[in-house]
Amino acid sequence: NSKACRAVGMANHNNKIMILIPCHRVIGSNKKLVGYAGGIDVKEKLL
């Protein structure tokens, strides 16, 4: 579903098992870090 980008973002946001389900590996189409329930600083550290 190529039109579901925002819904994918919400599913990432609702991921209850961070790191093991690696939502931190999902970045913006411009290759920038966007959104992470644990904070962008944590996402950056994990990456």
ModelCIF file with pLDDT and N, C-alpha, C, O atoms, coordinates in Angstrom:
data_MODEL
#
_entry.id   MODEL 
#
_entity.id                         1 
_entity.type                       polymer 
_entity.pdbx_number_of_molecules   1 
#
_entity_poly.entity_id                      1 
_entity_poly.type                           'polypeptide(L)' 
_entity_poly.nstd_linkage                   no 
_entity_poly.nstd_monomer                   no 
_entity_poly.pdbx_seq_one_letter_code       NSKACRAVGMANHNNKIMILIPCHRVIGSNKKLVGYAGGIDVKEKLL 
_entity_poly.pdbx_seq_one_letter_code_can   NSKACRAVGMANHNNKIMILIPCHRVIGSNKKLVGYAGGIDVKEKLL 
_entity_poly.pdbx_strand_id                 A 
#
loop_
_entity_poly_seq.entity_id 
_entity_poly_seq.num 
_entity_poly_seq.mon_id 
_entity_poly_seq.hetero 
1 1  ASN n 
1 2  SER n 
1 3  LYS n 
1 4  ALA n 
1 5  CYS n 
1 6  ARG n 
1 7  ALA n 
1 8  VAL n 
1 9  GLY n 
1 10 MET n 
1 11 ALA n 
1 12 ASN n 
1 13 HIS n 
1 14 ASN n 
1 15 ASN n 
1 16 LYS n 
1 17 ILE n 
1 18 MET n 
1 19 ILE n 
1 20 LEU n 
1 21 ILE n 
1 22 PRO n 
1 23 CYS n 
1 24 HIS n 
1 25 ARG n 
1 26 VAL n 
1 27 ILE n 
1 28 GLY n 
1 29 SER n 
1 30 ASN n 
1 31 LYS n 
1 32 LYS n 
1 33 LEU n 
1 34 VAL n 
1 35 GLY n 
1 36 TYR n 
1 37 ALA n 
1 38 GLY n 
1 39 GLY n 
1 40 ILE n 
1 41 ASP n 
1 42 VAL n 
1 43 LYS n 
1 44 GLU n 
1 45 LYS n 
1 46 LEU n 
1 47 LEU n 
#
_struct_asym.id          A 
_struct_asym.entity_id   1 
#
loop_
_ma_qa_metric.id 
_ma_qa_metric.mode 
_ma_qa_metric.name 
_ma_qa_metric.software_group_id 
_ma_qa_metric.type 
1 global pLDDT . pLDDT 
2 local  pLDDT . pLDDT 
#
_ma_qa_metric_global.metric_id      1 
_ma_qa_metric_global.metric_value   91.66 
_ma_qa_metric_global.model_id       1 
_ma_qa_metric_global.ordinal_id     1 
#
loop_
_ma_qa_metric_local.label_asym_id 
_ma_qa_metric_local.label_comp_id 
_ma_qa_metric_local.label_seq_id 
_ma_qa_metric_local.metric_id 
_ma_qa_metric_local.metric_value 
_ma_qa_metric_local.model_id 
_ma_qa_metric_local.ordinal_id 
A ASN 1  2 95.00 1 1  
A SER 2  2 94.00 1 2  
A LYS 3  2 95.00 1 3  
A ALA 4  2 95.00 1 4  
A CYS 5  2 93.00 1 5  
A ARG 6  2 93.00 1 6  
A ALA 7  2 96.00 1 7  
A VAL 8  2 96.00 1 8  
A GLY 9  2 94.00 1 9  
A MET 10 2 95.00 1 10 
A ALA 11 2 96.00 1 11 
A ASN 12 2 94.00 1 12 
A HIS 13 2 93.00 1 13 
A ASN 14 2 95.00 1 14 
A ASN 15 2 96.00 1 15 
A LYS 16 2 96.00 1 16 
A ILE 17 2 97.00 1 17 
A MET 18 2 96.00 1 18 
A ILE 19 2 97.00 1 19 
A LEU 20 2 98.00 1 20 
A ILE 21 2 98.00 1 21 
A PRO 22 2 97.00 1 22 
A CYS 23 2 95.00 1 23 
A HIS 24 2 96.00 1 24 
A ARG 25 2 95.00 1 25 
A VAL 26 2 95.00 1 26 
A ILE 27 2 92.00 1 27 
A GLY 28 2 90.00 1 28 
A SER 29 2 85.00 1 29 
A ASN 30 2 85.00 1 30 
A LYS 31 2 83.00 1 31 
A LYS 32 2 81.00 1 32 
A LEU 33 2 85.00 1 33 
A VAL 34 2 83.00 1 34 
A GLY 35 2 79.00 1 35 
A TYR 36 2 82.00 1 36 
A ALA 37 2 77.00 1 37 
A GLY 38 2 82.00 1 38 
A GLY 39 2 85.00 1 39 
A ILE 40 2 89.00 1 40 
A ASP 41 2 91.00 1 41 
A VAL 42 2 91.00 1 42 
A LYS 43 2 93.00 1 43 
A GLU 44 2 92.00 1 44 
A LYS 45 2 94.00 1 45 
A LEU 46 2 95.00 1 46 
A LEU 47 2 94.00 1 47 
#
loop_
_atom_site.group_PDB 
_atom_site.id 
_atom_site.type_symbol 
_atom_site.label_atom_id 
_atom_site.label_alt_id 
_atom_site.label_comp_id 
_atom_site.label_asym_id 
_atom_site.label_entity_id 
_atom_site.label_seq_id 
_atom_site.pdbx_PDB_ins_code 
_atom_site.Cartn_x 
_atom_site.Cartn_y 
_atom_site.Cartn_z 
_atom_site.occupancy 
_atom_site.B_iso_or_equiv 
_atom_site.pdbx_formal_charge 
_atom_site.auth_seq_id 
_atom_site.auth_comp_id 
_atom_site.auth_asym_id 
_atom_site.auth_atom_id 
_atom_site.pdbx_PDB_model_num 
ATOM 1   N N  . ASN A 1 1  ? 0.847  -1.193 0.000  1.00 95.00 ? 1  ASN A N  1 
ATOM 2   C CA . ASN A 1 1  ? 0.000  0.000  0.000  1.00 95.00 ? 1  ASN A CA 1 
ATOM 3   C C  . ASN A 1 1  ? 0.882  1.242  0.000  1.00 95.00 ? 1  ASN A C  1 
ATOM 4   O O  . ASN A 1 1  ? 1.166  1.807  1.056  1.00 95.00 ? 1  ASN A O  1 
ATOM 5   N N  . SER A 1 2  ? 1.314  1.667  -1.183 1.00 94.00 ? 2  SER A N  1 
ATOM 6   C CA . SER A 1 2  ? 2.276  2.767  -1.294 1.00 94.00 ? 2  SER A CA 1 
ATOM 7   C C  . SER A 1 2  ? 1.714  4.103  -0.790 1.00 94.00 ? 2  SER A C  1 
ATOM 8   O O  . SER A 1 2  ? 2.473  5.054  -0.607 1.00 94.00 ? 2  SER A O  1 
ATOM 9   N N  . LYS A 1 3  ? 0.412  4.188  -0.568 1.00 95.00 ? 3  LYS A N  1 
ATOM 10  C CA . LYS A 1 3  ? -0.179 5.431  -0.062 1.00 95.00 ? 3  LYS A CA 1 
ATOM 11  C C  . LYS A 1 3  ? -0.308 5.447  1.458  1.00 95.00 ? 3  LYS A C  1 
ATOM 12  O O  . LYS A 1 3  ? -0.891 6.374  2.021  1.00 95.00 ? 3  LYS A O  1 
ATOM 13  N N  . ALA A 1 4  ? 0.223  4.442  2.116  1.00 95.00 ? 4  ALA A N  1 
ATOM 14  C CA . ALA A 1 4  ? 0.042  4.298  3.562  1.00 95.00 ? 4  ALA A CA 1 
ATOM 15  C C  . ALA A 1 4  ? 1.224  4.798  4.389  1.00 95.00 ? 4  ALA A C  1 
ATOM 16  O O  . ALA A 1 4  ? 1.434  4.325  5.506  1.00 95.00 ? 4  ALA A O  1 
ATOM 17  N N  . CYS A 1 5  ? 1.998  5.745  3.860  1.00 93.00 ? 5  CYS A N  1 
ATOM 18  C CA . CYS A 1 5  ? 3.192  6.217  4.584  1.00 93.00 ? 5  CYS A CA 1 
ATOM 19  C C  . CYS A 1 5  ? 2.867  6.725  5.989  1.00 93.00 ? 5  CYS A C  1 
ATOM 20  O O  . CYS A 1 5  ? 3.542  6.371  6.955  1.00 93.00 ? 5  CYS A O  1 
ATOM 21  N N  . ARG A 1 6  ? 1.841  7.547  6.094  1.00 93.00 ? 6  ARG A N  1 
ATOM 22  C CA . ARG A 1 6  ? 1.468  8.082  7.421  1.00 93.00 ? 6  ARG A CA 1 
ATOM 23  C C  . ARG A 1 6  ? 0.992  6.973  8.356  1.00 93.00 ? 6  ARG A C  1 
ATOM 24  O O  . ARG A 1 6  ? 1.310  6.974  9.545  1.00 93.00 ? 6  ARG A O  1 
ATOM 25  N N  . ALA A 1 7  ? 0.235  6.034  7.813  1.00 96.00 ? 7  ALA A N  1 
ATOM 26  C CA . ALA A 1 7  ? -0.239 4.910  8.624  1.00 96.00 ? 7  ALA A CA 1 
ATOM 27  C C  . ALA A 1 7  ? 0.934  4.045  9.085  1.00 96.00 ? 7  ALA A C  1 
ATOM 28  O O  . ALA A 1 7  ? 0.925  3.520  10.199 1.00 96.00 ? 7  ALA A O  1 
ATOM 29  N N  . VAL A 1 8  ? 1.939  3.901  8.227  1.00 96.00 ? 8  VAL A N  1 
ATOM 30  C CA . VAL A 1 8  ? 3.158  3.183  8.623  1.00 96.00 ? 8  VAL A CA 1 
ATOM 31  C C  . VAL A 1 8  ? 3.815  3.928  9.788  1.00 96.00 ? 8  VAL A C  1 
ATOM 32  O O  . VAL A 1 8  ? 4.273  3.307  10.747 1.00 96.00 ? 8  VAL A O  1 
ATOM 33  N N  . GLY A 1 9  ? 3.859  5.249  9.701  1.00 94.00 ? 9  GLY A N  1 
ATOM 34  C CA . GLY A 1 9  ? 4.413  6.049  10.788 1.00 94.00 ? 9  GLY A CA 1 
ATOM 35  C C  . GLY A 1 9  ? 3.664  5.837  12.092 1.00 94.00 ? 9  GLY A C  1 
ATOM 36  O O  . GLY A 1 9  ? 4.278  5.731  13.154 1.00 94.00 ? 9  GLY A O  1 
ATOM 37  N N  . MET A 1 10 ? 2.343  5.776  12.016 1.00 95.00 ? 10 MET A N  1 
ATOM 38  C CA . MET A 1 10 ? 1.542  5.544  13.228 1.00 95.00 ? 10 MET A CA 1 
ATOM 39  C C  . MET A 1 10 ? 1.764  4.130  13.771 1.00 95.00 ? 10 MET A C  1 
ATOM 40  O O  . MET A 1 10 ? 1.817  3.937  14.985 1.00 95.00 ? 10 MET A O  1 
ATOM 41  N N  . ALA A 1 11 ? 1.893  3.159  12.895 1.00 96.00 ? 11 ALA A N  1 
ATOM 42  C CA . ALA A 1 11 ? 2.180  1.800  13.355 1.00 96.00 ? 11 ALA A CA 1 
ATOM 43  C C  . ALA A 1 11 ? 3.538  1.764  14.058 1.00 96.00 ? 11 ALA A C  1 
ATOM 44  O O  . ALA A 1 11 ? 3.694  1.109  15.089 1.00 96.00 ? 11 ALA A O  1 
ATOM 45  N N  . ASN A 1 12 ? 4.517  2.474  13.491 1.00 94.00 ? 12 ASN A N  1 
ATOM 46  C CA . ASN A 1 12 ? 5.820  2.562  14.155 1.00 94.00 ? 12 ASN A CA 1 
ATOM 47  C C  . ASN A 1 12 ? 5.671  3.176  15.535 1.00 94.00 ? 12 ASN A C  1 
ATOM 48  O O  . ASN A 1 12 ? 6.241  2.689  16.511 1.00 94.00 ? 12 ASN A O  1 
ATOM 49  N N  . HIS A 1 13 ? 4.896  4.257  15.603 1.00 93.00 ? 13 HIS A N  1 
ATOM 50  C CA . HIS A 1 13 ? 4.669  4.951  16.875 1.00 93.00 ? 13 HIS A CA 1 
ATOM 51  C C  . HIS A 1 13 ? 4.043  4.014  17.912 1.00 93.00 ? 13 HIS A C  1 
ATOM 52  O O  . HIS A 1 13 ? 4.323  4.129  19.105 1.00 93.00 ? 13 HIS A O  1 
ATOM 53  N N  . ASN A 1 14 ? 3.202  3.096  17.458 1.00 95.00 ? 14 ASN A N  1 
ATOM 54  C CA . ASN A 1 14 ? 2.505  2.182  18.370 1.00 95.00 ? 14 ASN A CA 1 
ATOM 55  C C  . ASN A 1 14 ? 3.254  0.880  18.621 1.00 95.00 ? 14 ASN A C  1 
ATOM 56  O O  . ASN A 1 14 ? 2.730  -0.014 19.285 1.00 95.00 ? 14 ASN A O  1 
ATOM 57  N N  . ASN A 1 15 ? 4.456  0.763  18.107 1.00 96.00 ? 15 ASN A N  1 
ATOM 58  C CA . ASN A 1 15 ? 5.288  -0.412 18.348 1.00 96.00 ? 15 ASN A CA 1 
ATOM 59  C C  . ASN A 1 15 ? 5.647  -0.458 19.827 1.00 96.00 ? 15 ASN A C  1 
ATOM 60  O O  . ASN A 1 15 ? 6.284  0.464  20.337 1.00 96.00 ? 15 ASN A O  1 
ATOM 61  N N  . LYS A 1 16 ? 5.249  -1.509 20.514 1.00 96.00 ? 16 LYS A N  1 
ATOM 62  C CA . LYS A 1 16 ? 5.505  -1.631 21.950 1.00 96.00 ? 16 LYS A CA 1 
ATOM 63  C C  . LYS A 1 16 ? 6.825  -2.331 22.266 1.00 96.00 ? 16 LYS A C  1 
ATOM 64  O O  . LYS A 1 16 ? 7.243  -2.391 23.422 1.00 96.00 ? 16 LYS A O  1 
ATOM 65  N N  . ILE A 1 17 ? 7.478  -2.861 21.229 1.00 97.00 ? 17 ILE A N  1 
ATOM 66  C CA . ILE A 1 17 ? 8.697  -3.649 21.489 1.00 97.00 ? 17 ILE A CA 1 
ATOM 67  C C  . ILE A 1 17 ? 9.867  -3.001 20.751 1.00 97.00 ? 17 ILE A C  1 
ATOM 68  O O  . ILE A 1 17 ? 10.394 -3.557 19.787 1.00 97.00 ? 17 ILE A O  1 
ATOM 69  N N  . MET A 1 18 ? 10.264 -1.816 21.218 1.00 96.00 ? 18 MET A N  1 
ATOM 70  C CA . MET A 1 18 ? 11.350 -1.090 20.559 1.00 96.00 ? 18 MET A CA 1 
ATOM 71  C C  . MET A 1 18 ? 12.623 -1.928 20.512 1.00 96.00 ? 18 MET A C  1 
ATOM 72  O O  . MET A 1 18 ? 12.831 -2.810 21.345 1.00 96.00 ? 18 MET A O  1 
ATOM 73  N N  . ILE A 1 19 ? 13.440 -1.650 19.560 1.00 97.00 ? 19 ILE A N  1 
ATOM 74  C CA . ILE A 1 19 ? 14.733 -2.276 19.273 1.00 97.00 ? 19 ILE A CA 1 
ATOM 75  C C  . ILE A 1 19 ? 14.550 -3.681 18.697 1.00 97.00 ? 19 ILE A C  1 
ATOM 76  O O  . ILE A 1 19 ? 15.054 -3.964 17.610 1.00 97.00 ? 19 ILE A O  1 
ATOM 77  N N  . LEU A 1 20 ? 13.833 -4.575 19.409 1.00 98.00 ? 20 LEU A N  1 
ATOM 78  C CA . LEU A 1 20 ? 13.647 -5.921 18.875 1.00 98.00 ? 20 LEU A CA 1 
ATOM 79  C C  . LEU A 1 20 ? 12.786 -5.885 17.618 1.00 98.00 ? 20 LEU A C  1 
ATOM 80  O O  . LEU A 1 20 ? 13.051 -6.622 16.669 1.00 98.00 ? 20 LEU A O  1 
ATOM 81  N N  . ILE A 1 21 ? 11.763 -5.041 17.599 1.00 98.00 ? 21 ILE A N  1 
ATOM 82  C CA . ILE A 1 21 ? 11.048 -4.715 16.364 1.00 98.00 ? 21 ILE A CA 1 
ATOM 83  C C  . ILE A 1 21 ? 11.621 -3.360 15.964 1.00 98.00 ? 21 ILE A C  1 
ATOM 84  O O  . ILE A 1 21 ? 11.218 -2.337 16.517 1.00 98.00 ? 21 ILE A O  1 
ATOM 85  N N  . PRO A 1 22 ? 12.551 -3.334 15.017 1.00 97.00 ? 22 PRO A N  1 
ATOM 86  C CA . PRO A 1 22 ? 13.434 -2.179 14.816 1.00 97.00 ? 22 PRO A CA 1 
ATOM 87  C C  . PRO A 1 22 ? 12.827 -0.984 14.078 1.00 97.00 ? 22 PRO A C  1 
ATOM 88  O O  . PRO A 1 22 ? 13.222 -0.671 12.955 1.00 97.00 ? 22 PRO A O  1 
ATOM 89  N N  . CYS A 1 23 ? 11.870 -0.328 14.717 1.00 95.00 ? 23 CYS A N  1 
ATOM 90  C CA . CYS A 1 23 ? 11.275 0.863  14.099 1.00 95.00 ? 23 CYS A CA 1 
ATOM 91  C C  . CYS A 1 23 ? 12.293 2.005  14.012 1.00 95.00 ? 23 CYS A C  1 
ATOM 92  O O  . CYS A 1 23 ? 12.085 2.959  13.263 1.00 95.00 ? 23 CYS A O  1 
ATOM 93  N N  . HIS A 1 24 ? 13.380 1.915  14.763 1.00 96.00 ? 24 HIS A N  1 
ATOM 94  C CA . HIS A 1 24 ? 14.429 2.937  14.670 1.00 96.00 ? 24 HIS A CA 1 
ATOM 95  C C  . HIS A 1 24 ? 15.125 2.914  13.311 1.00 96.00 ? 24 HIS A C  1 
ATOM 96  O O  . HIS A 1 24 ? 15.802 3.877  12.951 1.00 96.00 ? 24 HIS A O  1 
ATOM 97  N N  . ARG A 1 25 ? 14.971 1.837  12.559 1.00 95.00 ? 25 ARG A N  1 
ATOM 98  C CA . ARG A 1 25 ? 15.602 1.718  11.238 1.00 95.00 ? 25 ARG A CA 1 
ATOM 99  C C  . ARG A 1 25 ? 14.782 2.372  10.133 1.00 95.00 ? 25 ARG A C  1 
ATOM 100 O O  . ARG A 1 25 ? 15.163 2.310  8.964  1.00 95.00 ? 25 ARG A O  1 
ATOM 101 N N  . VAL A 1 26 ? 13.667 2.995  10.486 1.00 95.00 ? 26 VAL A N  1 
ATOM 102 C CA . VAL A 1 26 ? 12.826 3.653  9.491  1.00 95.00 ? 26 VAL A CA 1 
ATOM 103 C C  . VAL A 1 26 ? 13.082 5.158  9.567  1.00 95.00 ? 26 VAL A C  1 
ATOM 104 O O  . VAL A 1 26 ? 12.939 5.778  10.621 1.00 95.00 ? 26 VAL A O  1 
ATOM 105 N N  . ILE A 1 27 ? 13.463 5.728  8.422  1.00 92.00 ? 27 ILE A N  1 
ATOM 106 C CA . ILE A 1 27 ? 13.806 7.152  8.360  1.00 92.00 ? 27 ILE A CA 1 
ATOM 107 C C  . ILE A 1 27 ? 12.966 7.837  7.281  1.00 92.00 ? 27 ILE A C  1 
ATOM 108 O O  . ILE A 1 27 ? 12.267 7.183  6.507  1.00 92.00 ? 27 ILE A O  1 
ATOM 109 N N  . GLY A 1 28 ? 13.052 9.162  7.249  1.00 90.00 ? 28 GLY A N  1 
ATOM 110 C CA . GLY A 1 28 ? 12.313 9.924  6.246  1.00 90.00 ? 28 GLY A CA 1 
ATOM 111 C C  . GLY A 1 28 ? 12.851 9.688  4.845  1.00 90.00 ? 28 GLY A C  1 
ATOM 112 O O  . GLY A 1 28 ? 13.985 9.240  4.672  1.00 90.00 ? 28 GLY A O  1 
ATOM 113 N N  . SER A 1 29 ? 12.033 9.992  3.847  1.00 85.00 ? 29 SER A N  1 
ATOM 114 C CA . SER A 1 29 ? 12.447 9.772  2.463  1.00 85.00 ? 29 SER A CA 1 
ATOM 115 C C  . SER A 1 29 ? 13.625 10.651 2.068  1.00 85.00 ? 29 SER A C  1 
ATOM 116 O O  . SER A 1 29 ? 14.310 10.376 1.083  1.00 85.00 ? 29 SER A O  1 
ATOM 117 N N  . ASN A 1 30 ? 13.860 11.720 2.848  1.00 85.00 ? 30 ASN A N  1 
ATOM 118 C CA . ASN A 1 30 ? 15.007 12.591 2.610  1.00 85.00 ? 30 ASN A CA 1 
ATOM 119 C C  . ASN A 1 30 ? 16.252 12.111 3.358  1.00 85.00 ? 30 ASN A C  1 
ATOM 120 O O  . ASN A 1 30 ? 17.257 12.818 3.428  1.00 85.00 ? 30 ASN A O  1 
ATOM 121 N N  . LYS A 1 31 ? 16.172 10.900 3.918  1.00 83.00 ? 31 LYS A N  1 
ATOM 122 C CA . LYS A 1 31 ? 17.259 10.249 4.679  1.00 83.00 ? 31 LYS A CA 1 
ATOM 123 C C  . LYS A 1 31 ? 17.521 10.926 6.029  1.00 83.00 ? 31 LYS A C  1 
ATOM 124 O O  . LYS A 1 31 ? 18.565 10.709 6.644  1.00 83.00 ? 31 LYS A O  1 
ATOM 125 N N  . LYS A 1 32 ? 16.577 11.738 6.481  1.00 81.00 ? 32 LYS A N  1 
ATOM 126 C CA . LYS A 1 32 ? 16.702 12.395 7.784  1.00 81.00 ? 32 LYS A CA 1 
ATOM 127 C C  . LYS A 1 32 ? 15.968 11.585 8.846  1.00 81.00 ? 32 LYS A C  1 
ATOM 128 O O  . LYS A 1 32 ? 15.036 10.833 8.562  1.00 81.00 ? 32 LYS A O  1 
ATOM 129 N N  . LEU A 1 33 ? 16.427 11.771 10.080 1.00 85.00 ? 33 LEU A N  1 
ATOM 130 C CA . LEU A 1 33 ? 15.777 11.106 11.202 1.00 85.00 ? 33 LEU A CA 1 
ATOM 131 C C  . LEU A 1 33 ? 14.485 11.839 11.523 1.00 85.00 ? 33 LEU A C  1 
ATOM 132 O O  . LEU A 1 33 ? 14.476 13.055 11.711 1.00 85.00 ? 33 LEU A O  1 
ATOM 133 N N  . VAL A 1 34 ? 13.412 11.096 11.584 1.00 83.00 ? 34 VAL A N  1 
ATOM 134 C CA . VAL A 1 34 ? 12.120 11.663 11.946 1.00 83.00 ? 34 VAL A CA 1 
ATOM 135 C C  . VAL A 1 34 ? 11.442 10.712 12.916 1.00 83.00 ? 34 VAL A C  1 
ATOM 136 O O  . VAL A 1 34 ? 11.596 9.494  12.825 1.00 83.00 ? 34 VAL A O  1 
ATOM 137 N N  . GLY A 1 35 ? 10.700 11.279 13.834 1.00 79.00 ? 35 GLY A N  1 
ATOM 138 C CA . GLY A 1 35 ? 9.866  10.539 14.768 1.00 79.00 ? 35 GLY A CA 1 
ATOM 139 C C  . GLY A 1 35 ? 10.440 9.285  15.384 1.00 79.00 ? 35 GLY A C  1 
ATOM 140 O O  . GLY A 1 35 ? 10.902 8.386  14.682 1.00 79.00 ? 35 GLY A O  1 
ATOM 141 N N  . TYR A 1 36 ? 10.408 9.233  16.684 1.00 82.00 ? 36 TYR A N  1 
ATOM 142 C CA . TYR A 1 36 ? 10.761 8.029  17.421 1.00 82.00 ? 36 TYR A CA 1 
ATOM 143 C C  . TYR A 1 36 ? 10.224 8.188  18.831 1.00 82.00 ? 36 TYR A C  1 
ATOM 144 O O  . TYR A 1 36 ? 10.502 9.184  19.498 1.00 82.00 ? 36 TYR A O  1 
ATOM 145 N N  . ALA A 1 37 ? 9.457  7.210  19.284 1.00 77.00 ? 37 ALA A N  1 
ATOM 146 C CA . ALA A 1 37 ? 8.829  7.303  20.608 1.00 77.00 ? 37 ALA A CA 1 
ATOM 147 C C  . ALA A 1 37 ? 9.869  7.482  21.713 1.00 77.00 ? 37 ALA A C  1 
ATOM 148 O O  . ALA A 1 37 ? 9.590  8.124  22.725 1.00 77.00 ? 37 ALA A O  1 
ATOM 149 N N  . GLY A 1 38 ? 11.049 6.926  21.529 1.00 82.00 ? 38 GLY A N  1 
ATOM 150 C CA . GLY A 1 38 ? 12.103 7.055  22.533 1.00 82.00 ? 38 GLY A CA 1 
ATOM 151 C C  . GLY A 1 38 ? 12.884 8.350  22.428 1.00 82.00 ? 38 GLY A C  1 
ATOM 152 O O  . GLY A 1 38 ? 13.749 8.626  23.259 1.00 82.00 ? 38 GLY A O  1 
ATOM 153 N N  . GLY A 1 39 ? 12.583 9.153  21.405 1.00 85.00 ? 39 GLY A N  1 
ATOM 154 C CA . GLY A 1 39 ? 13.300 10.402 21.183 1.00 85.00 ? 39 GLY A CA 1 
ATOM 155 C C  . GLY A 1 39 ? 14.290 10.258 20.039 1.00 85.00 ? 39 GLY A C  1 
ATOM 156 O O  . GLY A 1 39 ? 14.890 9.200  19.850 1.00 85.00 ? 39 GLY A O  1 
ATOM 157 N N  . ILE A 1 40 ? 14.452 11.329 19.283 1.00 89.00 ? 40 ILE A N  1 
ATOM 158 C CA . ILE A 1 40 ? 15.363 11.318 18.129 1.00 89.00 ? 40 ILE A CA 1 
ATOM 159 C C  . ILE A 1 40 ? 16.799 11.021 18.569 1.00 89.00 ? 40 ILE A C  1 
ATOM 160 O O  . ILE A 1 40 ? 17.539 10.348 17.851 1.00 89.00 ? 40 ILE A O  1 
ATOM 161 N N  . ASP A 1 41 ? 17.195 11.516 19.739 1.00 91.00 ? 41 ASP A N  1 
ATOM 162 C CA . ASP A 1 41 ? 18.556 11.260 20.219 1.00 91.00 ? 41 ASP A CA 1 
ATOM 163 C C  . ASP A 1 41 ? 18.804 9.762  20.421 1.00 91.00 ? 41 ASP A C  1 
ATOM 164 O O  . ASP A 1 41 ? 19.897 9.267  20.144 1.00 91.00 ? 41 ASP A O  1 
ATOM 165 N N  . VAL A 1 42 ? 17.795 9.050  20.901 1.00 91.00 ? 42 VAL A N  1 
ATOM 166 C CA . VAL A 1 42 ? 17.930 7.600  21.087 1.00 91.00 ? 42 VAL A CA 1 
ATOM 167 C C  . VAL A 1 42 ? 17.968 6.896  19.730 1.00 91.00 ? 42 VAL A C  1 
ATOM 168 O O  . VAL A 1 42 ? 18.769 5.985  19.521 1.00 91.00 ? 42 VAL A O  1 
ATOM 169 N N  . LYS A 1 43 ? 17.102 7.320  18.812 1.00 93.00 ? 43 LYS A N  1 
ATOM 170 C CA . LYS A 1 43 ? 17.103 6.745  17.464 1.00 93.00 ? 43 LYS A CA 1 
ATOM 171 C C  . LYS A 1 43 ? 18.474 6.925  16.823 1.00 93.00 ? 43 LYS A C  1 
ATOM 172 O O  . LYS A 1 43 ? 19.010 5.996  16.218 1.00 93.00 ? 43 LYS A O  1 
ATOM 173 N N  . GLU A 1 44 ? 19.032 8.112  16.957 1.00 92.00 ? 44 GLU A N  1 
ATOM 174 C CA . GLU A 1 44 ? 20.350 8.397  16.396 1.00 92.00 ? 44 GLU A CA 1 
ATOM 175 C C  . GLU A 1 44 ? 21.404 7.475  17.003 1.00 92.00 ? 44 GLU A C  1 
ATOM 176 O O  . GLU A 1 44 ? 22.255 6.947  16.286 1.00 92.00 ? 44 GLU A O  1 
ATOM 177 N N  . LYS A 1 45 ? 21.350 7.280  18.312 1.00 94.00 ? 45 LYS A N  1 
ATOM 178 C CA . LYS A 1 45 ? 22.330 6.424  18.990 1.00 94.00 ? 45 LYS A CA 1 
ATOM 179 C C  . LYS A 1 45 ? 22.205 4.972  18.510 1.00 94.00 ? 45 LYS A C  1 
ATOM 180 O O  . LYS A 1 45 ? 23.213 4.304  18.279 1.00 94.00 ? 45 LYS A O  1 
ATOM 181 N N  . LEU A 1 46 ? 20.979 4.492  18.364 1.00 95.00 ? 46 LEU A N  1 
ATOM 182 C CA . LEU A 1 46 ? 20.776 3.118  17.895 1.00 95.00 ? 46 LEU A CA 1 
ATOM 183 C C  . LEU A 1 46 ? 21.295 2.933  16.475 1.00 95.00 ? 46 LEU A C  1 
ATOM 184 O O  . LEU A 1 46 ? 21.926 1.922  16.165 1.00 95.00 ? 46 LEU A O  1 
ATOM 185 N N  . LEU A 1 47 ? 21.031 3.903  15.621 1.00 94.00 ? 47 LEU A N  1 
ATOM 186 C CA . LEU A 1 47 ? 21.516 3.818  14.238 1.00 94.00 ? 47 LEU A CA 1 
ATOM 187 C C  . LEU A 1 47 ? 23.041 3.931  14.179 1.00 94.00 ? 47 LEU A C  1 
ATOM 188 O O  . LEU A 1 47 ? 23.622 3.880  13.095 1.00 94.00 ? 47 LEU A O  1 
#
